[in-house]
Amino acid sequence: MTFLHARQLYYAADAMVVLPAQPGSSVKLAEHTVAAYTTAAAEDWAFGDESGARTALALARLGHEELDGVQEALQPRTGATPR
């Protein structure tokens, strides 16, 4: 079973955000994941996965009390379709 790289990142970020051992790593991984979905080709993009990645980013930033970062992570994506 294989997944596209962006989906692998999403699953890792989603798991890491609930692990308290490395909170700084969860923010970095979640940011990398959102970036991967933001630049994904149309055939590799999934609404639910990008939404989940953005939620993981918001939760990771919340754990660091980065409230402005939480709000930014949850902003609607500009443009209706992936690149």
PDB file of N, CA and C in Angstrom:
ATOM      1  N   MET A   1       0.843  -1.159   0.000  1.00  0.00           N
ATOM      2  CA  MET A   1       0.000   0.000   0.000  1.00  0.00           C
ATOM      3  C   MET A   1       0.897   1.234   0.000  1.00  0.00           C
ATOM      4  N   THR A   2       0.635   2.146  -0.858  1.00  0.00           N
ATOM      5  CA  THR A   2       1.433   3.362  -0.908  1.00  0.00           C
ATOM      6  C   THR A   2       0.527   4.581  -0.925  1.00  0.00           C
ATOM      7  N   PHE A   3       1.077   5.681  -0.467  1.00  0.00           N
ATOM      8  CA  PHE A   3       0.372   6.949  -0.480  1.00  0.00           C
ATOM      9  C   PHE A   3       1.273   7.984  -1.128  1.00  0.00           C
ATOM     10  N   LEU A   4       0.670   9.002  -1.671  1.00  0.00           N
ATOM     11  CA  LEU A   4       1.434  10.130  -2.181  1.00  0.00           C
ATOM     12  C   LEU A   4       2.180  10.788  -1.022  1.00  0.00           C
ATOM     13  N   HIS A   5       3.265  11.484  -1.334  1.00  0.00           N
ATOM     14  CA  HIS A   5       4.100  12.089  -0.305  1.00  0.00           C
ATOM     15  C   HIS A   5       3.299  13.028   0.602  1.00  0.00           C
ATOM     16  N   ALA A   6       2.441  13.846   0.026  1.00  0.00           N
ATOM     17  CA  ALA A   6       1.654  14.782   0.830  1.00  0.00           C
ATOM     18  C   ALA A   6       0.768  14.034   1.831  1.00  0.00           C
ATOM     19  N   ARG A   7       0.196  12.934   1.425  1.00  0.00           N
ATOM     20  CA  ARG A   7      -0.658  12.164   2.340  1.00  0.00           C
ATOM     21  C   ARG A   7       0.172  11.508   3.437  1.00  0.00           C
ATOM     22  N   GLN A   8       1.356  11.052   3.116  1.00  0.00           N
ATOM     23  CA  GLN A   8       2.250  10.505   4.138  1.00  0.00           C
ATOM     24  C   GLN A   8       2.564  11.572   5.188  1.00  0.00           C
ATOM     25  N   LEU A   9       2.868  12.773   4.704  1.00  0.00           N
ATOM     26  CA  LEU A   9       3.143  13.875   5.623  1.00  0.00           C
ATOM     27  C   LEU A   9       1.926  14.182   6.488  1.00  0.00           C
ATOM     28  N   TYR A  10       0.752  14.183   5.886  1.00  0.00           N
ATOM     29  CA  TYR A  10      -0.477  14.476   6.628  1.00  0.00           C
ATOM     30  C   TYR A  10      -0.696  13.463   7.746  1.00  0.00           C
ATOM     31  N   TYR A  11      -0.563  12.189   7.440  1.00  0.00           N
ATOM     32  CA  TYR A  11      -0.770  11.169   8.479  1.00  0.00           C
ATOM     33  C   TYR A  11       0.264  11.305   9.591  1.00  0.00           C
ATOM     34  N   ALA A  12       1.506  11.607   9.238  1.00  0.00           N
ATOM     35  CA  ALA A  12       2.554  11.795  10.247  1.00  0.00           C
ATOM     36  C   ALA A  12       2.260  13.024  11.106  1.00  0.00           C
ATOM     37  N   ALA A  13       1.873  14.130  10.473  1.00  0.00           N
ATOM     38  CA  ALA A  13       1.576  15.360  11.214  1.00  0.00           C
ATOM     39  C   ALA A  13       0.373  15.159  12.126  1.00  0.00           C
ATOM     40  N   ASP A  14      -0.632  14.475  11.640  1.00  0.00           N
ATOM     41  CA  ASP A  14      -1.836  14.225  12.420  1.00  0.00           C
ATOM     42  C   ASP A  14      -1.512  13.404  13.666  1.00  0.00           C
ATOM     43  N   ALA A  15      -0.617  12.435  13.534  1.00  0.00           N
ATOM     44  CA  ALA A  15      -0.218  11.611  14.683  1.00  0.00           C
ATOM     45  C   ALA A  15       0.695  12.398  15.622  1.00  0.00           C
ATOM     46  N   MET A  16       1.635  13.142  15.061  1.00  0.00           N
ATOM     47  CA  MET A  16       2.624  13.832  15.882  1.00  0.00           C
ATOM     48  C   MET A  16       2.015  14.938  16.731  1.00  0.00           C
ATOM     49  N   VAL A  17       0.941  15.552  16.245  1.00  0.00           N
ATOM     50  CA  VAL A  17       0.356  16.669  16.980  1.00  0.00           C
ATOM     51  C   VAL A  17      -0.186  16.236  18.343  1.00  0.00           C
ATOM     52  N   VAL A  18      -0.508  14.981  18.512  1.00  0.00           N
ATOM     53  CA  VAL A  18      -1.019  14.505  19.802  1.00  0.00           C
ATOM     54  C   VAL A  18       0.066  13.907  20.685  1.00  0.00           C
ATOM     55  N   LEU A  19       1.301  13.848  20.189  1.00  0.00           N
ATOM     56  CA  LEU A  19       2.413  13.326  20.973  1.00  0.00           C
ATOM     57  C   LEU A  19       3.158  14.482  21.627  1.00  0.00           C
ATOM     58  N   PRO A  20       3.190  14.532  22.943  1.00  0.00           N
ATOM     59  CA  PRO A  20       3.800  15.679  23.615  1.00  0.00           C
ATOM     60  C   PRO A  20       5.330  15.674  23.614  1.00  0.00           C
ATOM     61  N   ALA A  21       5.955  14.618  23.184  1.00  0.00           N
ATOM     62  CA  ALA A  21       7.408  14.488  23.285  1.00  0.00           C
ATOM     63  C   ALA A  21       8.168  15.525  22.466  1.00  0.00           C
ATOM     64  N   GLN A  22       7.658  15.897  21.271  1.00  0.00           N
ATOM     65  CA  GLN A  22       8.380  16.804  20.396  1.00  0.00           C
ATOM     66  C   GLN A  22       7.445  17.871  19.835  1.00  0.00           C
ATOM     67  N   PRO A  23       7.010  18.800  20.675  1.00  0.00           N
ATOM     68  CA  PRO A  23       6.031  19.777  20.191  1.00  0.00           C
ATOM     69  C   PRO A  23       6.546  20.679  19.072  1.00  0.00           C
ATOM     70  N   GLY A  24       7.806  21.068  19.089  1.00  0.00           N
ATOM     71  CA  GLY A  24       8.340  21.915  18.022  1.00  0.00           C
ATOM     72  C   GLY A  24       8.344  21.206  16.689  1.00  0.00           C
ATOM     73  N   SER A  25       8.607  19.920  16.707  1.00  0.00           N
ATOM     74  CA  SER A  25       8.627  19.138  15.477  1.00  0.00           C
ATOM     75  C   SER A  25       7.245  19.041  14.865  1.00  0.00           C
ATOM     76  N   SER A  26       6.210  19.004  15.687  1.00  0.00           N
ATOM     77  CA  SER A  26       4.858  18.882  15.141  1.00  0.00           C
ATOM     78  C   SER A  26       4.470  20.123  14.340  1.00  0.00           C
ATOM     79  N   VAL A  27       4.880  21.293  14.785  1.00  0.00           N
ATOM     80  CA  VAL A  27       4.573  22.526  14.044  1.00  0.00           C
ATOM     81  C   VAL A  27       5.289  22.504  12.698  1.00  0.00           C
ATOM     82  N   LYS A  28       6.569  22.186  12.709  1.00  0.00           N
ATOM     83  CA  LYS A  28       7.345  22.168  11.468  1.00  0.00           C
ATOM     84  C   LYS A  28       6.789  21.150  10.481  1.00  0.00           C
ATOM     85  N   LEU A  29       6.469  19.954  10.963  1.00  0.00           N
ATOM     86  CA  LEU A  29       5.927  18.926  10.078  1.00  0.00           C
ATOM     87  C   LEU A  29       4.575  19.337   9.520  1.00  0.00           C
ATOM     88  N   ALA A  30       3.719  19.896  10.354  1.00  0.00           N
ATOM     89  CA  ALA A  30       2.397  20.323   9.889  1.00  0.00           C
ATOM     90  C   ALA A  30       2.510  21.460   8.869  1.00  0.00           C
ATOM     91  N   GLU A  31       3.442  22.388   9.083  1.00  0.00           N
ATOM     92  CA  GLU A  31       3.650  23.460   8.103  1.00  0.00           C
ATOM     93  C   GLU A  31       4.120  22.892   6.766  1.00  0.00           C
ATOM     94  N   HIS A  32       5.020  21.926   6.842  1.00  0.00           N
ATOM     95  CA  HIS A  32       5.518  21.277   5.621  1.00  0.00           C
ATOM     96  C   HIS A  32       4.378  20.548   4.898  1.00  0.00           C
ATOM     97  N   THR A  33       3.496  19.941   5.666  1.00  0.00           N
ATOM     98  CA  THR A  33       2.365  19.211   5.094  1.00  0.00           C
ATOM     99  C   THR A  33       1.399  20.154   4.382  1.00  0.00           C
ATOM    100  N   VAL A  34       1.060  21.257   5.027  1.00  0.00           N
ATOM    101  CA  VAL A  34       0.162  22.237   4.398  1.00  0.00           C
ATOM    102  C   VAL A  34       0.791  22.772   3.118  1.00  0.00           C
ATOM    103  N   ALA A  35       2.074  23.034   3.149  1.00  0.00           N
ATOM    104  CA  ALA A  35       2.764  23.509   1.949  1.00  0.00           C
ATOM    105  C   ALA A  35       2.691  22.470   0.834  1.00  0.00           C
ATOM    106  N   ALA A  36       2.827  21.201   1.182  1.00  0.00           N
ATOM    107  CA  ALA A  36       2.755  20.136   0.173  1.00  0.00           C
ATOM    108  C   ALA A  36       1.375  20.100  -0.490  1.00  0.00           C
ATOM    109  N   TYR A  37       0.317  20.295   0.288  1.00  0.00           N
ATOM    110  CA  TYR A  37      -1.025  20.295  -0.298  1.00  0.00           C
ATOM    111  C   TYR A  37      -1.305  21.588  -1.063  1.00  0.00           C
ATOM    112  N   THR A  38      -0.728  22.674  -0.624  1.00  0.00           N
ATOM    113  CA  THR A  38      -0.937  23.946  -1.305  1.00  0.00           C
ATOM    114  C   THR A  38      -0.355  23.925  -2.714  1.00  0.00           C
ATOM    115  N   THR A  39       0.717  23.178  -2.887  1.00  0.00           N
ATOM    116  CA  THR A  39       1.380  23.132  -4.190  1.00  0.00           C
ATOM    117  C   THR A  39       1.101  21.829  -4.952  1.00  0.00           C
ATOM    118  N   ALA A  40       0.224  20.995  -4.440  1.00  0.00           N
ATOM    119  CA  ALA A  40      -0.054  19.700  -5.068  1.00  0.00           C
ATOM    120  C   ALA A  40      -0.730  19.863  -6.430  1.00  0.00           C
ATOM    121  N   ALA A  41      -0.419  18.958  -7.318  1.00  0.00           N
ATOM    122  CA  ALA A  41      -1.116  18.912  -8.608  1.00  0.00           C
ATOM    123  C   ALA A  41      -2.572  18.520  -8.353  1.00  0.00           C
ATOM    124  N   ALA A  42      -3.433  18.910  -9.252  1.00  0.00           N
ATOM    125  CA  ALA A  42      -4.872  18.655  -9.081  1.00  0.00           C
ATOM    126  C   ALA A  42      -5.180  17.183  -8.823  1.00  0.00           C
ATOM    127  N   GLU A  43      -4.503  16.290  -9.514  1.00  0.00           N
ATOM    128  CA  GLU A  43      -4.785  14.862  -9.341  1.00  0.00           C
ATOM    129  C   GLU A  43      -4.258  14.300  -8.018  1.00  0.00           C
ATOM    130  N   ASP A  44      -3.393  15.047  -7.327  1.00  0.00           N
ATOM    131  CA  ASP A  44      -2.824  14.596  -6.055  1.00  0.00           C
ATOM    132  C   ASP A  44      -3.468  15.274  -4.854  1.00  0.00           C
ATOM    133  N   TRP A  45      -4.351  16.225  -5.104  1.00  0.00           N
ATOM    134  CA  TRP A  45      -4.941  17.016  -4.035  1.00  0.00           C
ATOM    135  C   TRP A  45      -6.211  16.365  -3.523  1.00  0.00           C
ATOM    136  N   ALA A  46      -6.446  16.480  -2.223  1.00  0.00           N
ATOM    137  CA  ALA A  46      -7.679  15.976  -1.621  1.00  0.00           C
ATOM    138  C   ALA A  46      -8.163  16.992  -0.588  1.00  0.00           C
ATOM    139  N   PHE A  47      -9.397  17.431  -0.730  1.00  0.00           N
ATOM    140  CA  PHE A  47      -9.961  18.440   0.165  1.00  0.00           C
ATOM    141  C   PHE A  47      -9.841  18.008   1.621  1.00  0.00           C
ATOM    142  N   GLY A  48     -10.271  16.793   1.909  1.00  0.00           N
ATOM    143  CA  GLY A  48     -10.254  16.302   3.290  1.00  0.00           C
ATOM    144  C   GLY A  48      -8.858  16.232   3.877  1.00  0.00           C
ATOM    145  N   ASP A  49      -7.898  15.834   3.064  1.00  0.00           N
ATOM    146  CA  ASP A  49      -6.526  15.743   3.549  1.00  0.00           C
ATOM    147  C   ASP A  49      -5.927  17.118   3.814  1.00  0.00           C
ATOM    148  N   GLU A  50      -6.154  18.062   2.897  1.00  0.00           N
ATOM    149  CA  GLU A  50      -5.632  19.413   3.158  1.00  0.00           C
ATOM    150  C   GLU A  50      -6.315  20.020   4.373  1.00  0.00           C
ATOM    151  N   SER A  51      -7.601  19.807   4.507  1.00  0.00           N
ATOM    152  CA  SER A  51      -8.315  20.326   5.673  1.00  0.00           C
ATOM    153  C   SER A  51      -7.773  19.709   6.956  1.00  0.00           C
ATOM    154  N   GLY A  52      -7.523  18.409   6.929  1.00  0.00           N
ATOM    155  CA  GLY A  52      -6.944  17.733   8.090  1.00  0.00           C
ATOM    156  C   GLY A  52      -5.549  18.233   8.404  1.00  0.00           C
ATOM    157  N   ALA A  53      -4.760  18.490   7.369  1.00  0.00           N
ATOM    158  CA  ALA A  53      -3.406  19.019   7.567  1.00  0.00           C
ATOM    159  C   ALA A  53      -3.467  20.406   8.197  1.00  0.00           C
ATOM    160  N   ARG A  54      -4.410  21.222   7.746  1.00  0.00           N
ATOM    161  CA  ARG A  54      -4.559  22.562   8.324  1.00  0.00           C
ATOM    162  C   ARG A  54      -5.034  22.480   9.767  1.00  0.00           C
ATOM    163  N   THR A  55      -5.876  21.522  10.081  1.00  0.00           N
ATOM    164  CA  THR A  55      -6.326  21.324  11.460  1.00  0.00           C
ATOM    165  C   THR A  55      -5.166  20.872  12.336  1.00  0.00           C
ATOM    166  N   ALA A  56      -4.339  19.961  11.826  1.00  0.00           N
ATOM    167  CA  ALA A  56      -3.159  19.518  12.578  1.00  0.00           C
ATOM    168  C   ALA A  56      -2.228  20.704  12.833  1.00  0.00           C
ATOM    169  N   LEU A  57      -2.050  21.565  11.847  1.00  0.00           N
ATOM    170  CA  LEU A  57      -1.215  22.747  12.020  1.00  0.00           C
ATOM    171  C   LEU A  57      -1.805  23.664  13.083  1.00  0.00           C
ATOM    172  N   ALA A  58      -3.103  23.885  13.031  1.00  0.00           N
ATOM    173  CA  ALA A  58      -3.747  24.734  14.037  1.00  0.00           C
ATOM    174  C   ALA A  58      -3.566  24.156  15.437  1.00  0.00           C
ATOM    175  N   LEU A  59      -3.733  22.863  15.591  1.00  0.00           N
ATOM    176  CA  LEU A  59      -3.568  22.228  16.898  1.00  0.00           C
ATOM    177  C   LEU A  59      -2.118  22.294  17.382  1.00  0.00           C
ATOM    178  N   ALA A  60      -1.179  22.099  16.475  1.00  0.00           N
ATOM    179  CA  ALA A  60       0.231  22.178  16.846  1.00  0.00           C
ATOM    180  C   ALA A  60       0.574  23.596  17.301  1.00  0.00           C
ATOM    181  N   ARG A  61       0.090  24.578  16.580  1.00  0.00           N
ATOM    182  CA  ARG A  61       0.351  25.966  16.968  1.00  0.00           C
ATOM    183  C   ARG A  61      -0.364  26.320  18.272  1.00  0.00           C
ATOM    184  N   LEU A  62      -1.545  25.799  18.465  1.00  0.00           N
ATOM    185  CA  LEU A  62      -2.267  26.030  19.715  1.00  0.00           C
ATOM    186  C   LEU A  62      -1.459  25.496  20.891  1.00  0.00           C
ATOM    187  N   GLY A  63      -0.818  24.346  20.704  1.00  0.00           N
ATOM    188  CA  GLY A  63       0.033  23.778  21.749  1.00  0.00           C
ATOM    189  C   GLY A  63       1.206  24.664  22.103  1.00  0.00           C
ATOM    190  N   HIS A  64       1.587  25.533  21.191  1.00  0.00           N
ATOM    191  CA  HIS A  64       2.665  26.493  21.421  1.00  0.00           C
ATOM    192  C   HIS A  64       2.128  27.879  21.767  1.00  0.00           C
ATOM    193  N   GLU A  65       0.824  27.966  21.956  1.00  0.00           N
ATOM    194  CA  GLU A  65       0.150  29.229  22.265  1.00  0.00           C
ATOM    195  C   GLU A  65       0.395  30.293  21.204  1.00  0.00           C
ATOM    196  N   GLU A  66       0.484  29.862  19.954  1.00  0.00           N
ATOM    197  CA  GLU A  66       0.628  30.771  18.811  1.00  0.00           C
ATOM    198  C   GLU A  66      -0.760  31.041  18.240  1.00  0.00           C
ATOM    199  N   LEU A  67      -1.520  31.877  18.938  1.00  0.00           N
ATOM    200  CA  LEU A  67      -2.922  32.071  18.564  1.00  0.00           C
ATOM    201  C   LEU A  67      -3.087  32.696  17.183  1.00  0.00           C
ATOM    202  N   ASP A  68      -2.220  33.622  16.799  1.00  0.00           N
ATOM    203  CA  ASP A  68      -2.305  34.181  15.451  1.00  0.00           C
ATOM    204  C   ASP A  68      -2.033  33.099  14.418  1.00  0.00           C
ATOM    205  N   GLY A  69      -1.122  32.191  14.727  1.00  0.00           N
ATOM    206  CA  GLY A  69      -0.808  31.088  13.827  1.00  0.00           C
ATOM    207  C   GLY A  69      -1.964  30.118  13.678  1.00  0.00           C
ATOM    208  N   VAL A  70      -2.723  29.944  14.753  1.00  0.00           N
ATOM    209  CA  VAL A  70      -3.913  29.079  14.693  1.00  0.00           C
ATOM    210  C   VAL A  70      -4.918  29.672  13.721  1.00  0.00           C
ATOM    211  N   GLN A  71      -5.169  30.950  13.867  1.00  0.00           N
ATOM    212  CA  GLN A  71      -6.130  31.618  12.986  1.00  0.00           C
ATOM    213  C   GLN A  71      -5.677  31.541  11.528  1.00  0.00           C
ATOM    214  N   GLU A  72      -4.388  31.749  11.273  1.00  0.00           N
ATOM    215  CA  GLU A  72      -3.866  31.699   9.908  1.00  0.00           C
ATOM    216  C   GLU A  72      -4.027  30.306   9.313  1.00  0.00           C
ATOM    217  N   ALA A  73      -3.779  29.270  10.104  1.00  0.00           N
ATOM    218  CA  ALA A  73      -3.884  27.899   9.608  1.00  0.00           C
ATOM    219  C   ALA A  73      -5.300  27.541   9.185  1.00  0.00           C
ATOM    220  N   LEU A  74      -6.279  28.171   9.821  1.00  0.00           N
ATOM    221  CA  LEU A  74      -7.680  27.830   9.549  1.00  0.00           C
ATOM    222  C   LEU A  74      -8.353  28.752   8.539  1.00  0.00           C
ATOM    223  N   GLN A  75      -7.597  29.680   7.962  1.00  0.00           N
ATOM    224  CA  GLN A  75      -8.169  30.565   6.947  1.00  0.00           C
ATOM    225  C   GLN A  75      -8.532  29.764   5.697  1.00  0.00           C
ATOM    226  N   PRO A  76      -9.598  30.169   5.032  1.00  0.00           N
ATOM    227  CA  PRO A  76      -9.952  29.476   3.783  1.00  0.00           C
ATOM    228  C   PRO A  76      -8.834  29.605   2.762  1.00  0.00           C
ATOM    229  N   ARG A  77      -8.684  28.584   2.005  1.00  0.00           N
ATOM    230  CA  ARG A  77      -7.673  28.590   0.952  1.00  0.00           C
ATOM    231  C   ARG A  77      -8.114  29.532  -0.156  1.00  0.00           C
ATOM    232  N   THR A  78      -7.193  30.330  -0.665  1.00  0.00           N
ATOM    233  CA  THR A  78      -7.547  31.200  -1.783  1.00  0.00           C
ATOM    234  C   THR A  78      -7.540  30.378  -3.058  1.00  0.00           C
ATOM    235  N   GLY A  79      -8.552  30.552  -3.843  1.00  0.00           N
ATOM    236  CA  GLY A  79      -8.684  29.761  -5.069  1.00  0.00           C
ATOM    237  C   GLY A  79      -9.433  28.474  -4.763  1.00  0.00           C
ATOM    238  N   ALA A  80     -10.321  28.100  -5.607  1.00  0.00           N
ATOM    239  CA  ALA A  80     -11.184  26.948  -5.363  1.00  0.00           C
ATOM    240  C   ALA A  80     -10.556  25.623  -5.723  1.00  0.00           C
ATOM    241  N   THR A  81      -9.539  25.643  -6.549  1.00  0.00           N
ATOM    242  CA  THR A  81      -8.947  24.382  -6.999  1.00  0.00           C
ATOM    243  C   THR A  81      -7.450  24.378  -6.733  1.00  0.00           C
ATOM    244  N   PRO A  82      -6.875  23.197  -6.600  1.00  0.00           N
ATOM    245  CA  PRO A  82      -5.427  23.113  -6.390  1.00  0.00           C
ATOM    246  C   PRO A  82      -4.680  23.531  -7.651  1.00  0.00           C
ATOM    247  N   ARG A  83      -3.411  23.776  -7.462  1.00  0.00           N
ATOM    248  CA  ARG A  83      -2.559  24.200  -8.591  1.00  0.00           C
ATOM    249  C   ARG A  83      -2.217  23.055  -9.489  1.00  0.00           C
TER     250      ARG A  83
END
